[in-house]
Amino acid sequence: ASTSDTQWLHDILGAHPRLGAKKVESAQSQTEQAQLQGGGDEAEKLRQLNEEYEAKYPGLRYVVFVAGRSRPVIMQDMRARIDGSAFERERATIIRAMCEIAADRAEKLVK
């Protein structure tokens, strides 16, 4: 892939909303992330995990197909990915998750 293609992909992967963010642009993201909203210690922990993730993977955002998973399960997955993935592997994981999210949204549109 050319440098411009790589940068374009990197820009897309870094544009995904942070999990647990209070302000989310799309209605779909608001609905999907609603269970991750909240306050207290868990919200602070999620904020810290987002910071750690973005420090380890500059320019990327943690992306996962939430699909009804609880906040603790999501946070465990986030911790495992911070602790374990190389940059290229993490980028592939994000692409896969974004495809799962897109497929789920498309399926809901045709129902």
PDB file of N, CA and C in Angstrom:
ATOM      1  N   ALA A   1       0.845  -1.188   0.000  1.00  0.00           N
ATOM      2  CA  ALA A   1       0.000   0.000   0.000  1.00  0.00           C
ATOM      3  C   ALA A   1       0.881   1.239   0.000  1.00  0.00           C
ATOM      4  N   SER A   2       0.380   2.266  -0.659  1.00  0.00           N
ATOM      5  CA  SER A   2       1.147   3.511  -0.706  1.00  0.00           C
ATOM      6  C   SER A   2       1.091   4.206   0.650  1.00  0.00           C
ATOM      7  N   THR A   3       1.994   5.163   0.824  1.00  0.00           N
ATOM      8  CA  THR A   3       2.029   5.934   2.068  1.00  0.00           C
ATOM      9  C   THR A   3       0.709   6.655   2.288  1.00  0.00           C
ATOM     10  N   SER A   4       0.122   7.210   1.214  1.00  0.00           N
ATOM     11  CA  SER A   4      -1.152   7.929   1.365  1.00  0.00           C
ATOM     12  C   SER A   4      -2.275   6.973   1.751  1.00  0.00           C
ATOM     13  N   ASP A   5      -2.278   5.749   1.205  1.00  0.00           N
ATOM     14  CA  ASP A   5      -3.283   4.752   1.591  1.00  0.00           C
ATOM     15  C   ASP A   5      -3.128   4.363   3.053  1.00  0.00           C
ATOM     16  N   THR A   6      -1.893   4.181   3.476  1.00  0.00           N
ATOM     17  CA  THR A   6      -1.623   3.818   4.865  1.00  0.00           C
ATOM     18  C   THR A   6      -2.067   4.935   5.798  1.00  0.00           C
ATOM     19  N   GLN A   7      -1.784   6.180   5.438  1.00  0.00           N
ATOM     20  CA  GLN A   7      -2.197   7.325   6.261  1.00  0.00           C
ATOM     21  C   GLN A   7      -3.717   7.437   6.310  1.00  0.00           C
ATOM     22  N   TRP A   8      -4.367   7.215   5.175  1.00  0.00           N
ATOM     23  CA  TRP A   8      -5.830   7.266   5.103  1.00  0.00           C
ATOM     24  C   TRP A   8      -6.439   6.233   6.046  1.00  0.00           C
ATOM     25  N   LEU A   9      -5.930   5.009   6.010  1.00  0.00           N
ATOM     26  CA  LEU A   9      -6.415   3.957   6.900  1.00  0.00           C
ATOM     27  C   LEU A   9      -6.155   4.322   8.357  1.00  0.00           C
ATOM     28  N   HIS A  10      -4.975   4.817   8.641  1.00  0.00           N
ATOM     29  CA  HIS A  10      -4.614   5.215  10.006  1.00  0.00           C
ATOM     30  C   HIS A  10      -5.561   6.313  10.514  1.00  0.00           C
ATOM     31  N   ASP A  11      -5.908   7.262   9.651  1.00  0.00           N
ATOM     32  CA  ASP A  11      -6.835   8.336  10.026  1.00  0.00           C
ATOM     33  C   ASP A  11      -8.218   7.781  10.362  1.00  0.00           C
ATOM     34  N   ILE A  12      -8.689   6.827   9.583  1.00  0.00           N
ATOM     35  CA  ILE A  12      -9.996   6.211   9.848  1.00  0.00           C
ATOM     36  C   ILE A  12      -9.975   5.485  11.185  1.00  0.00           C
ATOM     37  N   LEU A  13      -8.929   4.708  11.425  1.00  0.00           N
ATOM     38  CA  LEU A  13      -8.850   3.926  12.660  1.00  0.00           C
ATOM     39  C   LEU A  13      -8.746   4.822  13.884  1.00  0.00           C
ATOM     40  N   GLY A  14      -8.141   5.980  13.740  1.00  0.00           N
ATOM     41  CA  GLY A  14      -8.008   6.906  14.858  1.00  0.00           C
ATOM     42  C   GLY A  14      -9.218   7.789  15.077  1.00  0.00           C
ATOM     43  N   ALA A  15     -10.191   7.734  14.167  1.00  0.00           N
ATOM     44  CA  ALA A  15     -11.370   8.595  14.266  1.00  0.00           C
ATOM     45  C   ALA A  15     -12.521   7.960  15.038  1.00  0.00           C
ATOM     46  N   HIS A  16     -12.409   6.695  15.350  1.00  0.00           N
ATOM     47  CA  HIS A  16     -13.489   6.011  16.069  1.00  0.00           C
ATOM     48  C   HIS A  16     -13.671   6.648  17.445  1.00  0.00           C
ATOM     49  N   PRO A  17     -14.923   6.776  17.920  1.00  0.00           N
ATOM     50  CA  PRO A  17     -15.121   7.388  19.248  1.00  0.00           C
ATOM     51  C   PRO A  17     -14.522   6.533  20.363  1.00  0.00           C
ATOM     52  N   ARG A  18     -14.017   7.189  21.385  1.00  0.00           N
ATOM     53  CA  ARG A  18     -13.494   6.473  22.551  1.00  0.00           C
ATOM     54  C   ARG A  18     -14.638   5.781  23.273  1.00  0.00           C
ATOM     55  N   LEU A  19     -14.392   4.576  23.750  1.00  0.00           N
ATOM     56  CA  LEU A  19     -15.412   3.888  24.537  1.00  0.00           C
ATOM     57  C   LEU A  19     -15.679   4.659  25.812  1.00  0.00           C
ATOM     58  N   GLY A  20     -16.948   4.832  26.103  1.00  0.00           N
ATOM     59  CA  GLY A  20     -17.337   5.537  27.311  1.00  0.00           C
ATOM     60  C   GLY A  20     -17.333   7.039  27.179  1.00  0.00           C
ATOM     61  N   ALA A  21     -17.023   7.552  25.982  1.00  0.00           N
ATOM     62  CA  ALA A  21     -16.996   9.006  25.790  1.00  0.00           C
ATOM     63  C   ALA A  21     -18.385   9.586  26.003  1.00  0.00           C
ATOM     64  N   LYS A  22     -18.434  10.747  26.620  1.00  0.00           N
ATOM     65  CA  LYS A  22     -19.723  11.388  26.887  1.00  0.00           C
ATOM     66  C   LYS A  22     -20.353  11.926  25.606  1.00  0.00           C
ATOM     67  N   LYS A  23     -19.524  12.456  24.694  1.00  0.00           N
ATOM     68  CA  LYS A  23     -20.035  12.996  23.441  1.00  0.00           C
ATOM     69  C   LYS A  23     -19.638  12.057  22.309  1.00  0.00           C
ATOM     70  N   VAL A  24     -20.642  11.473  21.668  1.00  0.00           N
ATOM     71  CA  VAL A  24     -20.425  10.558  20.552  1.00  0.00           C
ATOM     72  C   VAL A  24     -21.226  11.101  19.376  1.00  0.00           C
ATOM     73  N   GLU A  25     -20.610  11.161  18.202  1.00  0.00           N
ATOM     74  CA  GLU A  25     -21.216  11.822  17.046  1.00  0.00           C
ATOM     75  C   GLU A  25     -22.455  11.124  16.489  1.00  0.00           C
ATOM     76  N   SER A  26     -22.390   9.832  16.220  1.00  0.00           N
ATOM     77  CA  SER A  26     -23.496   9.180  15.522  1.00  0.00           C
ATOM     78  C   SER A  26     -24.504   8.570  16.492  1.00  0.00           C
ATOM     79  N   ALA A  27     -25.751   8.520  16.036  1.00  0.00           N
ATOM     80  CA  ALA A  27     -26.810   7.913  16.847  1.00  0.00           C
ATOM     81  C   ALA A  27     -26.518   6.432  17.079  1.00  0.00           C
ATOM     82  N   GLN A  28     -25.955   5.758  16.061  1.00  0.00           N
ATOM     83  CA  GLN A  28     -25.626   4.339  16.225  1.00  0.00           C
ATOM     84  C   GLN A  28     -24.601   4.146  17.327  1.00  0.00           C
ATOM     85  N   SER A  29     -23.558   4.971  17.334  1.00  0.00           N
ATOM     86  CA  SER A  29     -22.530   4.856  18.372  1.00  0.00           C
ATOM     87  C   SER A  29     -23.104   5.158  19.744  1.00  0.00           C
ATOM     88  N   GLN A  30     -24.001   6.144  19.825  1.00  0.00           N
ATOM     89  CA  GLN A  30     -24.623   6.467  21.111  1.00  0.00           C
ATOM     90  C   GLN A  30     -25.379   5.265  21.657  1.00  0.00           C
ATOM     91  N   THR A  31     -26.155   4.610  20.800  1.00  0.00           N
ATOM     92  CA  THR A  31     -26.924   3.442  21.219  1.00  0.00           C
ATOM     93  C   THR A  31     -26.004   2.295  21.615  1.00  0.00           C
ATOM     94  N   GLU A  32     -24.996   2.031  20.786  1.00  0.00           N
ATOM     95  CA  GLU A  32     -24.092   0.911  21.042  1.00  0.00           C
ATOM     96  C   GLU A  32     -23.276   1.105  22.312  1.00  0.00           C
ATOM     97  N   GLN A  33     -22.935   2.345  22.625  1.00  0.00           N
ATOM     98  CA  GLN A  33     -22.087   2.608  23.782  1.00  0.00           C
ATOM     99  C   GLN A  33     -22.870   2.972  25.042  1.00  0.00           C
ATOM    100  N   ALA A  34     -24.184   3.004  24.964  1.00  0.00           N
ATOM    101  CA  ALA A  34     -24.991   3.452  26.101  1.00  0.00           C
ATOM    102  C   ALA A  34     -24.669   2.687  27.377  1.00  0.00           C
ATOM    103  N   GLN A  35     -24.450   1.381  27.265  1.00  0.00           N
ATOM    104  CA  GLN A  35     -24.171   0.583  28.462  1.00  0.00           C
ATOM    105  C   GLN A  35     -22.798   0.877  29.057  1.00  0.00           C
ATOM    106  N   LEU A  36     -21.946   1.563  28.310  1.00  0.00           N
ATOM    107  CA  LEU A  36     -20.610   1.881  28.814  1.00  0.00           C
ATOM    108  C   LEU A  36     -20.560   3.253  29.474  1.00  0.00           C
ATOM    109  N   GLN A  37     -21.659   3.991  29.390  1.00  0.00           N
ATOM    110  CA  GLN A  37     -21.731   5.299  30.039  1.00  0.00           C
ATOM    111  C   GLN A  37     -21.870   5.101  31.538  1.00  0.00           C
ATOM    112  N   GLY A  38     -21.567   6.109  32.258  1.00  0.00           N
ATOM    113  CA  GLY A  38     -21.742   6.027  33.698  1.00  0.00           C
ATOM    114  C   GLY A  38     -20.697   6.858  34.397  1.00  0.00           C
ATOM    115  N   GLY A  39     -20.743   6.798  35.694  1.00  0.00           N
ATOM    116  CA  GLY A  39     -19.813   7.591  36.471  1.00  0.00           C
ATOM    117  C   GLY A  39     -19.014   6.717  37.409  1.00  0.00           C
ATOM    118  N   GLY A  40     -18.383   7.373  38.327  1.00  0.00           N
ATOM    119  CA  GLY A  40     -17.683   6.661  39.374  1.00  0.00           C
ATOM    120  C   GLY A  40     -16.368   6.058  38.954  1.00  0.00           C
ATOM    121  N   ASP A  41     -15.962   5.074  39.745  1.00  0.00           N
ATOM    122  CA  ASP A  41     -14.652   4.445  39.575  1.00  0.00           C
ATOM    123  C   ASP A  41     -14.494   3.750  38.228  1.00  0.00           C
ATOM    124  N   GLU A  42     -15.553   3.070  37.751  1.00  0.00           N
ATOM    125  CA  GLU A  42     -15.438   2.365  36.475  1.00  0.00           C
ATOM    126  C   GLU A  42     -15.243   3.337  35.319  1.00  0.00           C
ATOM    127  N   ALA A  43     -15.938   4.461  35.346  1.00  0.00           N
ATOM    128  CA  ALA A  43     -15.774   5.460  34.282  1.00  0.00           C
ATOM    129  C   ALA A  43     -14.350   6.005  34.282  1.00  0.00           C
ATOM    130  N   GLU A  44     -13.807   6.242  35.458  1.00  0.00           N
ATOM    131  CA  GLU A  44     -12.427   6.728  35.564  1.00  0.00           C
ATOM    132  C   GLU A  44     -11.446   5.672  35.074  1.00  0.00           C
ATOM    133  N   LYS A  45     -11.682   4.416  35.413  1.00  0.00           N
ATOM    134  CA  LYS A  45     -10.817   3.321  34.967  1.00  0.00           C
ATOM    135  C   LYS A  45     -10.859   3.200  33.442  1.00  0.00           C
ATOM    136  N   LEU A  46     -12.046   3.334  32.863  1.00  0.00           N
ATOM    137  CA  LEU A  46     -12.179   3.273  31.415  1.00  0.00           C
ATOM    138  C   LEU A  46     -11.418   4.431  30.759  1.00  0.00           C
ATOM    139  N   ARG A  47     -11.495   5.610  31.340  1.00  0.00           N
ATOM    140  CA  ARG A  47     -10.752   6.766  30.834  1.00  0.00           C
ATOM    141  C   ARG A  47      -9.245   6.494  30.876  1.00  0.00           C
ATOM    142  N   GLN A  48      -8.779   5.911  31.990  1.00  0.00           N
ATOM    143  CA  GLN A  48      -7.356   5.588  32.123  1.00  0.00           C
ATOM    144  C   GLN A  48      -6.929   4.535  31.101  1.00  0.00           C
ATOM    145  N   LEU A  49      -7.764   3.530  30.898  1.00  0.00           N
ATOM    146  CA  LEU A  49      -7.449   2.497  29.908  1.00  0.00           C
ATOM    147  C   LEU A  49      -7.370   3.099  28.505  1.00  0.00           C
ATOM    148  N   ASN A  50      -8.293   4.005  28.175  1.00  0.00           N
ATOM    149  CA  ASN A  50      -8.229   4.688  26.878  1.00  0.00           C
ATOM    150  C   ASN A  50      -6.904   5.422  26.726  1.00  0.00           C
ATOM    151  N   GLU A  51      -6.476   6.126  27.771  1.00  0.00           N
ATOM    152  CA  GLU A  51      -5.197   6.854  27.728  1.00  0.00           C
ATOM    153  C   GLU A  51      -4.022   5.902  27.535  1.00  0.00           C
ATOM    154  N   GLU A  52      -4.018   4.808  28.289  1.00  0.00           N
ATOM    155  CA  GLU A  52      -2.939   3.811  28.170  1.00  0.00           C
ATOM    156  C   GLU A  52      -2.892   3.220  26.769  1.00  0.00           C
ATOM    157  N   TYR A  53      -4.065   2.869  26.265  1.00  0.00           N
ATOM    158  CA  TYR A  53      -4.169   2.277  24.939  1.00  0.00           C
ATOM    159  C   TYR A  53      -3.603   3.236  23.890  1.00  0.00           C
ATOM    160  N   GLU A  54      -4.033   4.491  23.947  1.00  0.00           N
ATOM    161  CA  GLU A  54      -3.601   5.467  22.950  1.00  0.00           C
ATOM    162  C   GLU A  54      -2.126   5.823  23.084  1.00  0.00           C
ATOM    163  N   ALA A  55      -1.568   5.680  24.273  1.00  0.00           N
ATOM    164  CA  ALA A  55      -0.127   5.886  24.451  1.00  0.00           C
ATOM    165  C   ALA A  55       0.656   4.729  23.827  1.00  0.00           C
ATOM    166  N   LYS A  56       0.147   3.511  23.966  1.00  0.00           N
ATOM    167  CA  LYS A  56       0.834   2.344  23.400  1.00  0.00           C
ATOM    168  C   LYS A  56       0.675   2.287  21.881  1.00  0.00           C
ATOM    169  N   TYR A  57      -0.503   2.656  21.394  1.00  0.00           N
ATOM    170  CA  TYR A  57      -0.802   2.590  19.962  1.00  0.00           C
ATOM    171  C   TYR A  57      -1.110   3.998  19.444  1.00  0.00           C
ATOM    172  N   PRO A  58      -0.084   4.829  19.247  1.00  0.00           N
ATOM    173  CA  PRO A  58      -0.305   6.220  18.825  1.00  0.00           C
ATOM    174  C   PRO A  58      -1.142   6.303  17.548  1.00  0.00           C
ATOM    175  N   GLY A  59      -2.151   7.156  17.604  1.00  0.00           N
ATOM    176  CA  GLY A  59      -3.012   7.370  16.446  1.00  0.00           C
ATOM    177  C   GLY A  59      -4.180   6.418  16.344  1.00  0.00           C
ATOM    178  N   LEU A  60      -4.216   5.376  17.177  1.00  0.00           N
ATOM    179  CA  LEU A  60      -5.319   4.416  17.139  1.00  0.00           C
ATOM    180  C   LEU A  60      -6.264   4.651  18.307  1.00  0.00           C
ATOM    181  N   ARG A  61      -7.478   4.148  18.157  1.00  0.00           N
ATOM    182  CA  ARG A  61      -8.457   4.119  19.244  1.00  0.00           C
ATOM    183  C   ARG A  61      -8.841   2.664  19.468  1.00  0.00           C
ATOM    184  N   TYR A  62      -9.126   2.339  20.710  1.00  0.00           N
ATOM    185  CA  TYR A  62      -9.601   0.996  21.033  1.00  0.00           C
ATOM    186  C   TYR A  62     -10.980   0.823  20.410  1.00  0.00           C
ATOM    187  N   VAL A  63     -11.148  -0.218  19.609  1.00  0.00           N
ATOM    188  CA  VAL A  63     -12.422  -0.513  18.961  1.00  0.00           C
ATOM    189  C   VAL A  63     -12.754  -1.967  19.234  1.00  0.00           C
ATOM    190  N   VAL A  64     -13.992  -2.203  19.643  1.00  0.00           N
ATOM    191  CA  VAL A  64     -14.482  -3.554  19.854  1.00  0.00           C
ATOM    192  C   VAL A  64     -15.963  -3.559  19.505  1.00  0.00           C
ATOM    193  N   PHE A  65     -16.446  -4.670  18.989  1.00  0.00           N
ATOM    194  CA  PHE A  65     -17.878  -4.836  18.735  1.00  0.00           C
ATOM    195  C   PHE A  65     -18.508  -5.154  20.081  1.00  0.00           C
ATOM    196  N   VAL A  66     -19.147  -4.172  20.687  1.00  0.00           N
ATOM    197  CA  VAL A  66     -19.655  -4.292  22.056  1.00  0.00           C
ATOM    198  C   VAL A  66     -20.694  -5.401  22.163  1.00  0.00           C
ATOM    199  N   ALA A  67     -21.698  -5.398  21.307  1.00  0.00           N
ATOM    200  CA  ALA A  67     -22.705  -6.463  21.207  1.00  0.00           C
ATOM    201  C   ALA A  67     -23.201  -6.990  22.550  1.00  0.00           C
ATOM    202  N   GLY A  68     -23.597  -6.080  23.431  1.00  0.00           N
ATOM    203  CA  GLY A  68     -24.181  -6.498  24.699  1.00  0.00           C
ATOM    204  C   GLY A  68     -23.203  -6.907  25.782  1.00  0.00           C
ATOM    205  N   ARG A  69     -21.906  -6.811  25.507  1.00  0.00           N
ATOM    206  CA  ARG A  69     -20.924  -7.168  26.537  1.00  0.00           C
ATOM    207  C   ARG A  69     -20.945  -6.133  27.655  1.00  0.00           C
ATOM    208  N   SER A  70     -20.692  -6.574  28.850  1.00  0.00           N
ATOM    209  CA  SER A  70     -20.691  -5.673  30.003  1.00  0.00           C
ATOM    210  C   SER A  70     -19.426  -4.820  30.023  1.00  0.00           C
ATOM    211  N   ARG A  71     -19.495  -3.738  30.778  1.00  0.00           N
ATOM    212  CA  ARG A  71     -18.329  -2.863  30.925  1.00  0.00           C
ATOM    213  C   ARG A  71     -17.122  -3.631  31.470  1.00  0.00           C
ATOM    214  N   PRO A  72     -17.270  -4.465  32.521  1.00  0.00           N
ATOM    215  CA  PRO A  72     -16.097  -5.206  33.017  1.00  0.00           C
ATOM    216  C   PRO A  72     -15.465  -6.122  31.959  1.00  0.00           C
ATOM    217  N   VAL A  73     -16.288  -6.762  31.136  1.00  0.00           N
ATOM    218  CA  VAL A  73     -15.760  -7.641  30.085  1.00  0.00           C
ATOM    219  C   VAL A  73     -14.996  -6.822  29.043  1.00  0.00           C
ATOM    220  N   ILE A  74     -15.551  -5.688  28.663  1.00  0.00           N
ATOM    221  CA  ILE A  74     -14.881  -4.800  27.705  1.00  0.00           C
ATOM    222  C   ILE A  74     -13.550  -4.320  28.279  1.00  0.00           C
ATOM    223  N   MET A  75     -13.559  -3.947  29.553  1.00  0.00           N
ATOM    224  CA  MET A  75     -12.332  -3.441  30.178  1.00  0.00           C
ATOM    225  C   MET A  75     -11.275  -4.538  30.290  1.00  0.00           C
ATOM    226  N   GLN A  76     -11.681  -5.782  30.521  1.00  0.00           N
ATOM    227  CA  GLN A  76     -10.722  -6.900  30.546  1.00  0.00           C
ATOM    228  C   GLN A  76     -10.098  -7.088  29.164  1.00  0.00           C
ATOM    229  N   ASP A  77     -10.929  -7.005  28.125  1.00  0.00           N
ATOM    230  CA  ASP A  77     -10.417  -7.138  26.762  1.00  0.00           C
ATOM    231  C   ASP A  77      -9.441  -6.004  26.441  1.00  0.00           C
ATOM    232  N   MET A  78      -9.800  -4.810  26.861  1.00  0.00           N
ATOM    233  CA  MET A  78      -8.938  -3.657  26.617  1.00  0.00           C
ATOM    234  C   MET A  78      -7.587  -3.841  27.298  1.00  0.00           C
ATOM    235  N   ARG A  79      -7.600  -4.276  28.541  1.00  0.00           N
ATOM    236  CA  ARG A  79      -6.355  -4.517  29.285  1.00  0.00           C
ATOM    237  C   ARG A  79      -5.517  -5.576  28.576  1.00  0.00           C
ATOM    238  N   ALA A  80      -6.147  -6.667  28.142  1.00  0.00           N
ATOM    239  CA  ALA A  80      -5.416  -7.742  27.463  1.00  0.00           C
ATOM    240  C   ALA A  80      -4.773  -7.230  26.170  1.00  0.00           C
ATOM    241  N   ARG A  81      -5.485  -6.386  25.437  1.00  0.00           N
ATOM    242  CA  ARG A  81      -4.929  -5.858  24.194  1.00  0.00           C
ATOM    243  C   ARG A  81      -3.810  -4.864  24.460  1.00  0.00           C
ATOM    244  N   ILE A  82      -3.909  -4.085  25.519  1.00  0.00           N
ATOM    245  CA  ILE A  82      -2.816  -3.174  25.881  1.00  0.00           C
ATOM    246  C   ILE A  82      -1.574  -3.984  26.242  1.00  0.00           C
ATOM    247  N   ASP A  83      -1.774  -5.053  26.980  1.00  0.00           N
ATOM    248  CA  ASP A  83      -0.653  -5.858  27.464  1.00  0.00           C
ATOM    249  C   ASP A  83      -0.056  -6.773  26.407  1.00  0.00           C
ATOM    250  N   GLY A  84      -0.825  -7.093  25.336  1.00  0.00           N
ATOM    251  CA  GLY A  84      -0.363  -8.173  24.503  1.00  0.00           C
ATOM    252  C   GLY A  84      -0.099  -7.949  23.036  1.00  0.00           C
ATOM    253  N   SER A  85      -0.718  -6.996  22.398  1.00  0.00           N
ATOM    254  CA  SER A  85      -0.641  -6.919  20.940  1.00  0.00           C
ATOM    255  C   SER A  85       0.493  -6.031  20.445  1.00  0.00           C
ATOM    256  N   ALA A  86       1.072  -6.448  19.321  1.00  0.00           N
ATOM    257  CA  ALA A  86       1.988  -5.583  18.581  1.00  0.00           C
ATOM    258  C   ALA A  86       1.134  -4.614  17.758  1.00  0.00           C
ATOM    259  N   PHE A  87       1.722  -3.501  17.327  1.00  0.00           N
ATOM    260  CA  PHE A  87       0.974  -2.456  16.630  1.00  0.00           C
ATOM    261  C   PHE A  87       0.224  -3.000  15.418  1.00  0.00           C
ATOM    262  N   GLU A  88       0.884  -3.729  14.537  1.00  0.00           N
ATOM    263  CA  GLU A  88       0.237  -4.231  13.314  1.00  0.00           C
ATOM    264  C   GLU A  88      -0.889  -5.208  13.637  1.00  0.00           C
ATOM    265  N   ARG A  89      -0.680  -6.043  14.623  1.00  0.00           N
ATOM    266  CA  ARG A  89      -1.736  -6.986  15.019  1.00  0.00           C
ATOM    267  C   ARG A  89      -2.934  -6.228  15.585  1.00  0.00           C
ATOM    268  N   GLU A  90      -2.671  -5.214  16.381  1.00  0.00           N
ATOM    269  CA  GLU A  90      -3.756  -4.412  16.953  1.00  0.00           C
ATOM    270  C   GLU A  90      -4.516  -3.688  15.850  1.00  0.00           C
ATOM    271  N   ARG A  91      -3.799  -3.174  14.887  1.00  0.00           N
ATOM    272  CA  ARG A  91      -4.466  -2.505  13.768  1.00  0.00           C
ATOM    273  C   ARG A  91      -5.391  -3.472  13.035  1.00  0.00           C
ATOM    274  N   ALA A  92      -4.953  -4.701  12.819  1.00  0.00           N
ATOM    275  CA  ALA A  92      -5.797  -5.711  12.174  1.00  0.00           C
ATOM    276  C   ALA A  92      -7.018  -6.039  13.037  1.00  0.00           C
ATOM    277  N   THR A  93      -6.837  -6.081  14.351  1.00  0.00           N
ATOM    278  CA  THR A  93      -7.947  -6.345  15.273  1.00  0.00           C
ATOM    279  C   THR A  93      -8.987  -5.230  15.183  1.00  0.00           C
ATOM    280  N   ILE A  94      -8.528  -3.989  15.099  1.00  0.00           N
ATOM    281  CA  ILE A  94      -9.440  -2.847  14.978  1.00  0.00           C
ATOM    282  C   ILE A  94     -10.221  -2.926  13.669  1.00  0.00           C
ATOM    283  N   ILE A  95      -9.549  -3.237  12.583  1.00  0.00           N
ATOM    284  CA  ILE A  95     -10.221  -3.342  11.283  1.00  0.00           C
ATOM    285  C   ILE A  95     -11.302  -4.413  11.341  1.00  0.00           C
ATOM    286  N   ARG A  96     -10.986  -5.550  11.922  1.00  0.00           N
ATOM    287  CA  ARG A  96     -11.959  -6.642  12.066  1.00  0.00           C
ATOM    288  C   ARG A  96     -13.162  -6.174  12.893  1.00  0.00           C
ATOM    289  N   ALA A  97     -12.900  -5.481  14.006  1.00  0.00           N
ATOM    290  CA  ALA A  97     -13.986  -4.993  14.865  1.00  0.00           C
ATOM    291  C   ALA A  97     -14.857  -3.977  14.124  1.00  0.00           C
ATOM    292  N   MET A  98     -14.228  -3.082  13.359  1.00  0.00           N
ATOM    293  CA  MET A  98     -15.006  -2.096  12.606  1.00  0.00           C
ATOM    294  C   MET A  98     -15.881  -2.780  11.558  1.00  0.00           C
ATOM    295  N   CYS A  99     -15.379  -3.846  10.959  1.00  0.00           N
ATOM    296  CA  CYS A  99     -16.178  -4.608   9.991  1.00  0.00           C
ATOM    297  C   CYS A  99     -17.357  -5.291  10.683  1.00  0.00           C
ATOM    298  N   GLU A 100     -17.138  -5.838  11.873  1.00  0.00           N
ATOM    299  CA  GLU A 100     -18.231  -6.451  12.638  1.00  0.00           C
ATOM    300  C   GLU A 100     -19.295  -5.412  12.986  1.00  0.00           C
ATOM    301  N   ILE A 101     -18.865  -4.231  13.394  1.00  0.00           N
ATOM    302  CA  ILE A 101     -19.796  -3.148  13.725  1.00  0.00           C
ATOM    303  C   ILE A 101     -20.596  -2.752  12.482  1.00  0.00           C
ATOM    304  N   ALA A 102     -19.913  -2.572  11.354  1.00  0.00           N
ATOM    305  CA  ALA A 102     -20.583  -2.180  10.110  1.00  0.00           C
ATOM    306  C   ALA A 102     -21.574  -3.249   9.655  1.00  0.00           C
ATOM    307  N   ALA A 103     -21.193  -4.518   9.747  1.00  0.00           N
ATOM    308  CA  ALA A 103     -22.090  -5.603   9.346  1.00  0.00           C
ATOM    309  C   ALA A 103     -23.334  -5.633  10.231  1.00  0.00           C
ATOM    310  N   ASP A 104     -23.155  -5.428  11.526  1.00  0.00           N
ATOM    311  CA  ASP A 104     -24.290  -5.410  12.447  1.00  0.00           C
ATOM    312  C   ASP A 104     -25.227  -4.247  12.128  1.00  0.00           C
ATOM    313  N   ARG A 105     -24.661  -3.084  11.859  1.00  0.00           N
ATOM    314  CA  ARG A 105     -25.487  -1.919  11.521  1.00  0.00           C
ATOM    315  C   ARG A 105     -26.239  -2.149  10.213  1.00  0.00           C
ATOM    316  N   ALA A 106     -25.569  -2.722   9.221  1.00  0.00           N
ATOM    317  CA  ALA A 106     -26.217  -3.000   7.936  1.00  0.00           C
ATOM    318  C   ALA A 106     -27.358  -3.994   8.114  1.00  0.00           C
ATOM    319  N   GLU A 107     -27.137  -5.009   8.924  1.00  0.00           N
ATOM    320  CA  GLU A 107     -28.178  -6.006   9.182  1.00  0.00           C
ATOM    321  C   GLU A 107     -29.401  -5.358   9.831  1.00  0.00           C
ATOM    322  N   LYS A 108     -29.171  -4.436  10.742  1.00  0.00           N
ATOM    323  CA  LYS A 108     -30.284  -3.747  11.412  1.00  0.00           C
ATOM    324  C   LYS A 108     -31.054  -2.855  10.447  1.00  0.00           C
ATOM    325  N   LEU A 109     -30.381  -2.324   9.437  1.00  0.00           N
ATOM    326  CA  LEU A 109     -31.048  -1.472   8.453  1.00  0.00           C
ATOM    327  C   LEU A 109     -32.028  -2.249   7.586  1.00  0.00           C
ATOM    328  N   VAL A 110     -31.723  -3.501   7.311  1.00  0.00           N
ATOM    329  CA  VAL A 110     -32.587  -4.293   6.429  1.00  0.00           C
ATOM    330  C   VAL A 110     -33.690  -5.024   7.182  1.00  0.00           C
ATOM    331  N   LYS A 111     -33.683  -4.944   8.487  1.00  0.00           N
ATOM    332  CA  LYS A 111     -34.737  -5.603   9.277  1.00  0.00           C
ATOM    333  C   LYS A 111     -35.953  -4.730   9.366  1.00  0.00           C
TER     334      LYS A 111
END
